[in-house]
Amino acid sequence: MDKKVVDLARDVAKVELPPYRNHLDVVVACEDEDDNDVDIPLVSIYFR
């Protein structure tokens, strides 16, 4: 992927990240083959 994290956040979440912000916390939700919820830890993406 050629996009920066801040550009991706702007495009997907439709928000501008303030200049002092240096990370994003991403909540991942998924299911297994049997439609059971799978617990995924919070994903922190650090940038800048």
PDB file of N, CA and C in Angstrom:
ATOM      1  N   MET A   1       0.846  -1.171   0.000  1.00  0.00           N
ATOM      2  CA  MET A   1       0.000   0.000   0.000  1.00  0.00           C
ATOM      3  C   MET A   1       0.893   1.235   0.000  1.00  0.00           C
ATOM      4  N   ASP A   2       0.529   2.193  -0.802  1.00  0.00           N
ATOM      5  CA  ASP A   2       1.346   3.388  -0.958  1.00  0.00           C
ATOM      6  C   ASP A   2       0.913   4.549  -0.081  1.00  0.00           C
ATOM      7  N   LYS A   3      -0.137   4.387   0.706  1.00  0.00           N
ATOM      8  CA  LYS A   3      -0.648   5.502   1.503  1.00  0.00           C
ATOM      9  C   LYS A   3      -0.008   5.548   2.884  1.00  0.00           C
ATOM     10  N   LYS A   4       0.107   6.764   3.409  1.00  0.00           N
ATOM     11  CA  LYS A   4       0.550   6.948   4.785  1.00  0.00           C
ATOM     12  C   LYS A   4      -0.633   6.687   5.709  1.00  0.00           C
ATOM     13  N   VAL A   5      -0.338   6.346   6.967  1.00  0.00           N
ATOM     14  CA  VAL A   5      -1.387   6.050   7.940  1.00  0.00           C
ATOM     15  C   VAL A   5      -2.326   7.239   8.117  1.00  0.00           C
ATOM     16  N   VAL A   6      -1.786   8.443   8.203  1.00  0.00           N
ATOM     17  CA  VAL A   6      -2.639   9.624   8.390  1.00  0.00           C
ATOM     18  C   VAL A   6      -3.559   9.836   7.185  1.00  0.00           C
ATOM     19  N   ASP A   7      -3.080   9.545   5.986  1.00  0.00           N
ATOM     20  CA  ASP A   7      -3.919   9.673   4.795  1.00  0.00           C
ATOM     21  C   ASP A   7      -5.017   8.608   4.785  1.00  0.00           C
ATOM     22  N   LEU A   8      -4.669   7.408   5.190  1.00  0.00           N
ATOM     23  CA  LEU A   8      -5.646   6.329   5.253  1.00  0.00           C
ATOM     24  C   LEU A   8      -6.733   6.637   6.282  1.00  0.00           C
ATOM     25  N   ALA A   9      -6.353   7.163   7.437  1.00  0.00           N
ATOM     26  CA  ALA A   9      -7.331   7.539   8.462  1.00  0.00           C
ATOM     27  C   ALA A   9      -8.252   8.631   7.939  1.00  0.00           C
ATOM     28  N   ARG A  10      -7.707   9.580   7.228  1.00  0.00           N
ATOM     29  CA  ARG A  10      -8.511  10.661   6.660  1.00  0.00           C
ATOM     30  C   ARG A  10      -9.509  10.103   5.641  1.00  0.00           C
ATOM     31  N   ASP A  11      -9.065   9.190   4.798  1.00  0.00           N
ATOM     32  CA  ASP A  11      -9.932   8.642   3.757  1.00  0.00           C
ATOM     33  C   ASP A  11     -11.003   7.699   4.315  1.00  0.00           C
ATOM     34  N   VAL A  12     -10.627   6.856   5.264  1.00  0.00           N
ATOM     35  CA  VAL A  12     -11.550   5.846   5.782  1.00  0.00           C
ATOM     36  C   VAL A  12     -12.472   6.415   6.858  1.00  0.00           C
ATOM     37  N   ALA A  13     -11.890   7.083   7.857  1.00  0.00           N
ATOM     38  CA  ALA A  13     -12.682   7.571   8.995  1.00  0.00           C
ATOM     39  C   ALA A  13     -13.228   8.974   8.775  1.00  0.00           C
ATOM     40  N   LYS A  14     -12.787   9.620   7.720  1.00  0.00           N
ATOM     41  CA  LYS A  14     -13.235  10.990   7.410  1.00  0.00           C
ATOM     42  C   LYS A  14     -12.920  11.971   8.539  1.00  0.00           C
ATOM     43  N   VAL A  15     -11.738  11.816   9.141  1.00  0.00           N
ATOM     44  CA  VAL A  15     -11.302  12.725  10.208  1.00  0.00           C
ATOM     45  C   VAL A  15      -9.890  13.209   9.910  1.00  0.00           C
ATOM     46  N   GLU A  16      -9.591  14.389  10.386  1.00  0.00           N
ATOM     47  CA  GLU A  16      -8.229  14.910  10.310  1.00  0.00           C
ATOM     48  C   GLU A  16      -7.546  14.619  11.640  1.00  0.00           C
ATOM     49  N   LEU A  17      -6.354  14.069  11.585  1.00  0.00           N
ATOM     50  CA  LEU A  17      -5.609  13.818  12.814  1.00  0.00           C
ATOM     51  C   LEU A  17      -4.830  15.069  13.194  1.00  0.00           C
ATOM     52  N   PRO A  18      -4.924  15.482  14.450  1.00  0.00           N
ATOM     53  CA  PRO A  18      -4.177  16.663  14.874  1.00  0.00           C
ATOM     54  C   PRO A  18      -2.674  16.404  14.827  1.00  0.00           C
ATOM     55  N   PRO A  19      -1.877  17.447  14.677  1.00  0.00           N
ATOM     56  CA  PRO A  19      -0.422  17.277  14.547  1.00  0.00           C
ATOM     57  C   PRO A  19       0.240  16.623  15.757  1.00  0.00           C
ATOM     58  N   TYR A  20      -0.368  16.763  16.940  1.00  0.00           N
ATOM     59  CA  TYR A  20       0.235  16.181  18.141  1.00  0.00           C
ATOM     60  C   TYR A  20      -0.055  14.681  18.268  1.00  0.00           C
ATOM     61  N   ARG A  21      -0.952  14.178  17.460  1.00  0.00           N
ATOM     62  CA  ARG A  21      -1.327  12.760  17.534  1.00  0.00           C
ATOM     63  C   ARG A  21      -0.239  11.918  16.893  1.00  0.00           C
ATOM     64  N   ASN A  22       0.233  10.870  17.610  1.00  0.00           N
ATOM     65  CA  ASN A  22       1.301  10.043  17.047  1.00  0.00           C
ATOM     66  C   ASN A  22       0.934   8.563  16.967  1.00  0.00           C
ATOM     67  N   HIS A  23      -0.331   8.230  17.263  1.00  0.00           N
ATOM     68  CA  HIS A  23      -0.742   6.839  17.102  1.00  0.00           C
ATOM     69  C   HIS A  23      -2.248   6.731  16.899  1.00  0.00           C
ATOM     70  N   LEU A  24      -2.647   5.590  16.358  1.00  0.00           N
ATOM     71  CA  LEU A  24      -4.061   5.241  16.206  1.00  0.00           C
ATOM     72  C   LEU A  24      -4.286   3.907  16.900  1.00  0.00           C
ATOM     73  N   ASP A  25      -5.420   3.765  17.569  1.00  0.00           N
ATOM     74  CA  ASP A  25      -5.826   2.480  18.125  1.00  0.00           C
ATOM     75  C   ASP A  25      -6.921   1.922  17.226  1.00  0.00           C
ATOM     76  N   VAL A  26      -6.707   0.713  16.751  1.00  0.00           N
ATOM     77  CA  VAL A  26      -7.630   0.094  15.805  1.00  0.00           C
ATOM     78  C   VAL A  26      -8.298  -1.105  16.474  1.00  0.00           C
ATOM     79  N   VAL A  27      -9.619  -1.140  16.409  1.00  0.00           N
ATOM     80  CA  VAL A  27     -10.378  -2.269  16.936  1.00  0.00           C
ATOM     81  C   VAL A  27     -10.650  -3.225  15.778  1.00  0.00           C
ATOM     82  N   VAL A  28     -10.233  -4.476  15.942  1.00  0.00           N
ATOM     83  CA  VAL A  28     -10.419  -5.486  14.907  1.00  0.00           C
ATOM     84  C   VAL A  28     -11.520  -6.443  15.366  1.00  0.00           C
ATOM     85  N   ALA A  29     -12.506  -6.663  14.516  1.00  0.00           N
ATOM     86  CA  ALA A  29     -13.588  -7.598  14.819  1.00  0.00           C
ATOM     87  C   ALA A  29     -13.637  -8.652  13.721  1.00  0.00           C
ATOM     88  N   CYS A  30     -13.706  -9.924  14.120  1.00  0.00           N
ATOM     89  CA  CYS A  30     -13.772 -10.982  13.120  1.00  0.00           C
ATOM     90  C   CYS A  30     -14.464 -12.214  13.702  1.00  0.00           C
ATOM     91  N   GLU A  31     -14.783 -13.132  12.803  1.00  0.00           N
ATOM     92  CA  GLU A  31     -15.442 -14.384  13.168  1.00  0.00           C
ATOM     93  C   GLU A  31     -14.680 -15.541  12.541  1.00  0.00           C
ATOM     94  N   ASP A  32     -14.762 -16.713  13.192  1.00  0.00           N
ATOM     95  CA  ASP A  32     -14.140 -17.899  12.619  1.00  0.00           C
ATOM     96  C   ASP A  32     -15.111 -18.578  11.652  1.00  0.00           C
ATOM     97  N   GLU A  33     -14.743 -19.757  11.161  1.00  0.00           N
ATOM     98  CA  GLU A  33     -15.558 -20.465  10.176  1.00  0.00           C
ATOM     99  C   GLU A  33     -16.931 -20.859  10.715  1.00  0.00           C
ATOM    100  N   ASP A  34     -17.048 -20.982  12.056  1.00  0.00           N
ATOM    101  CA  ASP A  34     -18.313 -21.379  12.686  1.00  0.00           C
ATOM    102  C   ASP A  34     -19.127 -20.181  13.157  1.00  0.00           C
ATOM    103  N   ASP A  35     -18.781 -18.998  12.685  1.00  0.00           N
ATOM    104  CA  ASP A  35     -19.461 -17.749  13.046  1.00  0.00           C
ATOM    105  C   ASP A  35     -19.327 -17.378  14.519  1.00  0.00           C
ATOM    106  N   ASN A  36     -18.280 -17.862  15.176  1.00  0.00           N
ATOM    107  CA  ASN A  36     -17.992 -17.460  16.550  1.00  0.00           C
ATOM    108  C   ASN A  36     -17.112 -16.222  16.527  1.00  0.00           C
ATOM    109  N   ASP A  37     -17.394 -15.286  17.428  1.00  0.00           N
ATOM    110  CA  ASP A  37     -16.548 -14.100  17.526  1.00  0.00           C
ATOM    111  C   ASP A  37     -15.153 -14.498  17.986  1.00  0.00           C
ATOM    112  N   VAL A  38     -14.154 -13.896  17.397  1.00  0.00           N
ATOM    113  CA  VAL A  38     -12.762 -14.138  17.769  1.00  0.00           C
ATOM    114  C   VAL A  38     -12.234 -12.872  18.426  1.00  0.00           C
ATOM    115  N   ASP A  39     -11.677 -13.019  19.632  1.00  0.00           N
ATOM    116  CA  ASP A  39     -11.134 -11.867  20.343  1.00  0.00           C
ATOM    117  C   ASP A  39      -9.753 -11.523  19.801  1.00  0.00           C
ATOM    118  N   ILE A  40      -9.617 -10.298  19.357  1.00  0.00           N
ATOM    119  CA  ILE A  40      -8.354  -9.789  18.836  1.00  0.00           C
ATOM    120  C   ILE A  40      -7.953  -8.619  19.727  1.00  0.00           C
ATOM    121  N   PRO A  41      -6.717  -8.588  20.201  1.00  0.00           N
ATOM    122  CA  PRO A  41      -6.307  -7.449  21.032  1.00  0.00           C
ATOM    123  C   PRO A  41      -6.326  -6.142  20.236  1.00  0.00           C
ATOM    124  N   LEU A  42      -6.445  -5.053  20.952  1.00  0.00           N
ATOM    125  CA  LEU A  42      -6.398  -3.728  20.352  1.00  0.00           C
ATOM    126  C   LEU A  42      -5.078  -3.572  19.603  1.00  0.00           C
ATOM    127  N   VAL A  43      -5.144  -3.046  18.404  1.00  0.00           N
ATOM    128  CA  VAL A  43      -3.950  -2.843  17.587  1.00  0.00           C
ATOM    129  C   VAL A  43      -3.598  -1.359  17.624  1.00  0.00           C
ATOM    130  N   SER A  44      -2.397  -1.043  18.098  1.00  0.00           N
ATOM    131  CA  SER A  44      -1.931   0.345  18.135  1.00  0.00           C
ATOM    132  C   SER A  44      -0.926   0.552  17.015  1.00  0.00           C
ATOM    133  N   ILE A  45      -1.179   1.557  16.188  1.00  0.00           N
ATOM    134  CA  ILE A  45      -0.289   1.889  15.079  1.00  0.00           C
ATOM    135  C   ILE A  45       0.371   3.221  15.406  1.00  0.00           C
ATOM    136  N   TYR A  46       1.692   3.197  15.568  1.00  0.00           N
ATOM    137  CA  TYR A  46       2.446   4.412  15.876  1.00  0.00           C
ATOM    138  C   TYR A  46       3.079   4.957  14.603  1.00  0.00           C
ATOM    139  N   PHE A  47       3.022   6.260  14.449  1.00  0.00           N
ATOM    140  CA  PHE A  47       3.571   6.920  13.269  1.00  0.00           C
ATOM    141  C   PHE A  47       4.127   8.267  13.686  1.00  0.00           C
ATOM    142  N   ARG A  48       4.685   8.977  12.757  1.00  0.00           N
ATOM    143  CA  ARG A  48       5.292  10.302  12.950  1.00  0.00           C
ATOM    144  C   ARG A  48       6.483  10.221  13.832  1.00  0.00           C
TER     145      ARG A  48
END
